[in-house]
C-alpha atoms as a PDB file:
ATOM      1  CA  UNK A   1      -0.325 -63.831 -28.473  1.00  0.00           C
ATOM      2  CA  UNK A   2      -2.776 -62.467 -25.740  1.00  0.00           C
ATOM      3  CA  UNK A   3       0.409 -61.620 -23.721  1.00  0.00           C
ATOM      4  CA  UNK A   4       1.591 -59.247 -26.319  1.00  0.00           C
ATOM      5  CA  UNK A   5      -1.949 -57.919 -26.683  1.00  0.00           C
ATOM      6  CA  UNK A   6      -2.552 -57.233 -22.952  1.00  0.00           C
ATOM      7  CA  UNK A   7       1.675 -55.341 -23.008  1.00  0.00           C
ATOM      8  CA  UNK A   8       0.285 -53.264 -25.908  1.00  0.00           C
ATOM      9  CA  UNK A   9      -2.626 -52.448 -24.110  1.00  0.00           C
ATOM     10  CA  UNK A  10      -0.636 -51.784 -20.787  1.00  0.00           C
ATOM     11  CA  UNK A  11       1.674 -49.519 -23.018  1.00  0.00           C
ATOM     12  CA  UNK A  12      -0.825 -47.545 -25.260  1.00  0.00           C
ATOM     13  CA  UNK A  13      -3.542 -46.542 -22.413  1.00  0.00           C
ATOM     14  CA  UNK A  14      -1.136 -44.288 -20.459  1.00  0.00           C
ATOM     15  CA  UNK A  15      -0.147 -42.655 -23.437  1.00  0.00           C
ATOM     16  CA  UNK A  16      -3.971 -42.028 -24.794  1.00  0.00           C
ATOM     17  CA  UNK A  17      -4.780 -40.529 -21.292  1.00  0.00           C
ATOM     18  CA  UNK A  18      -2.360 -37.992 -21.239  1.00  0.00           C
ATOM     19  CA  UNK A  19      -2.688 -36.819 -24.664  1.00  0.00           C
ATOM     20  CA  UNK A  20      -6.241 -36.760 -24.337  1.00  0.00           C
ATOM     21  CA  UNK A  21      -5.054 -34.580 -20.960  1.00  0.00           C
ATOM     22  CA  UNK A  22      -3.051 -32.371 -22.925  1.00  0.00           C
ATOM     23  CA  UNK A  23      -5.454 -31.878 -25.353  1.00  0.00           C
ATOM     24  CA  UNK A  24      -7.860 -30.593 -22.705  1.00  0.00           C
ATOM     25  CA  UNK A  25      -5.327 -28.646 -20.477  1.00  0.00           C
ATOM     26  CA  UNK A  26      -4.174 -27.085 -24.233  1.00  0.00           C
ATOM     27  CA  UNK A  27      -7.959 -26.416 -25.010  1.00  0.00           C
ATOM     28  CA  UNK A  28      -8.942 -24.357 -21.676  1.00  0.00           C
ATOM     29  CA  UNK A  29      -5.592 -22.715 -22.055  1.00  0.00           C
ATOM     30  CA  UNK A  30      -6.378 -21.219 -25.422  1.00  0.00           C
ATOM     31  CA  UNK A  31     -10.079 -20.153 -24.092  1.00  0.00           C
ATOM     32  CA  UNK A  32      -8.392 -17.983 -21.492  1.00  0.00           C
ATOM     33  CA  UNK A  33      -6.108 -16.753 -23.300  1.00  0.00           C
ATOM     34  CA  UNK A  34      -8.714 -15.702 -25.859  1.00  0.00           C
ATOM     35  CA  UNK A  35     -10.699 -14.189 -23.456  1.00  0.00           C
ATOM     36  CA  UNK A  36      -7.953 -12.177 -22.080  1.00  0.00           C
ATOM     37  CA  UNK A  37      -6.967 -10.820 -25.773  1.00  0.00           C
ATOM     38  CA  UNK A  38     -10.934  -9.882 -25.822  1.00  0.00           C
ATOM     39  CA  UNK A  39     -10.678  -7.822 -22.578  1.00  0.00           C
ATOM     40  CA  UNK A  40      -7.192  -5.954 -23.943  1.00  0.00           C
ATOM     41  CA  UNK A  41      -8.924  -5.284 -27.362  1.00  0.00           C
ATOM     42  CA  UNK A  42     -12.321  -3.997 -25.625  1.00  0.00           C
ATOM     43  CA  UNK A  43      -9.642  -1.764 -23.879  1.00  0.00           C
ATOM     44  CA  UNK A  44      -8.314  -0.754 -26.666  1.00  0.00           C
ATOM     45  CA  UNK A  45     -11.499   0.293 -28.648  1.00  0.00           C
ATOM     46  CA  UNK A  46     -12.643   2.502 -25.739  1.00  0.00           C
ATOM     47  CA  UNK A  47      -9.413   4.197 -26.006  1.00  0.00           C
ATOM     48  CA  UNK A  48      -9.781   4.642 -29.780  1.00  0.00           C
ATOM     49  CA  UNK A  49     -13.328   5.821 -29.329  1.00  0.00           C
ATOM     50  CA  UNK A  50     -12.530   8.496 -26.706  1.00  0.00           C
ATOM     51  CA  UNK A  51      -9.403   9.793 -29.198  1.00  0.00           C
ATOM     52  CA  UNK A  52     -11.862  10.151 -32.072  1.00  0.00           C
ATOM     53  CA  UNK A  53     -14.008  12.226 -29.849  1.00  0.00           C
ATOM     54  CA  UNK A  54     -11.103  14.266 -28.979  1.00  0.00           C
ATOM     55  CA  UNK A  55     -10.059  15.090 -32.328  1.00  0.00           C
ATOM     56  CA  UNK A  56     -13.542  16.423 -32.860  1.00  0.00           C
ATOM     57  CA  UNK A  57     -13.766  18.981 -30.264  1.00  0.00           C
ATOM     58  CA  UNK A  58     -10.329  19.849 -30.593  1.00  0.00           C
ATOM     59  CA  UNK A  59     -11.318  20.490 -34.279  1.00  0.00           C
ATOM     60  CA  UNK A  60     -14.354  22.722 -32.985  1.00  0.00           C
ATOM     61  CA  UNK A  61     -11.802  24.700 -30.980  1.00  0.00           C
ATOM     62  CA  UNK A  62      -9.444  25.353 -33.503  1.00  0.00           C
ATOM     63  CA  UNK A  63     -12.284  26.345 -35.254  1.00  0.00           C
ATOM     64  CA  UNK A  64     -13.402  28.492 -32.979  1.00  0.00           C
ATOM     65  CA  UNK A  65      -9.828  30.091 -32.440  1.00  0.00           C
ATOM     66  CA  UNK A  66      -9.152  30.888 -36.092  1.00  0.00           C
ATOM     67  CA  UNK A  67     -12.907  32.638 -36.020  1.00  0.00           C
ATOM     68  CA  UNK A  68     -12.245  34.406 -32.705  1.00  0.00           C
ATOM     69  CA  UNK A  69      -8.888  35.789 -34.694  1.00  0.00           C
ATOM     70  CA  UNK A  70     -10.156  36.938 -37.919  1.00  0.00           C
ATOM     71  CA  UNK A  71     -12.786  39.241 -35.339  1.00  0.00           C
ATOM     72  CA  UNK A  72      -9.243  40.717 -33.730  1.00  0.00           C
ATOM     73  CA  UNK A  73      -7.857  41.736 -37.505  1.00  0.00           C
ATOM     74  CA  UNK A  74     -11.687  42.894 -38.191  1.00  0.00           C
ATOM     75  CA  UNK A  75     -11.808  45.131 -34.759  1.00  0.00           C
ATOM     76  CA  UNK A  76      -8.402  46.427 -35.254  1.00  0.00           C
END
């Protein structure tokens, strides 16, 4: 009976080591991918903020253009 236990341990230990190594490697890979995703999201958020500022400036410019058109109409 002791030989059966030893054989099962010999068969089980490498499987456990491989399983643990897989978990560790996958965990590191997931953390790396999350970090990369966070960097992409940060770039995206910066672009969105810049677009909002540009839209505000465009609205101000269009308002000014409309005012100038009205002034031209009054002069004519």
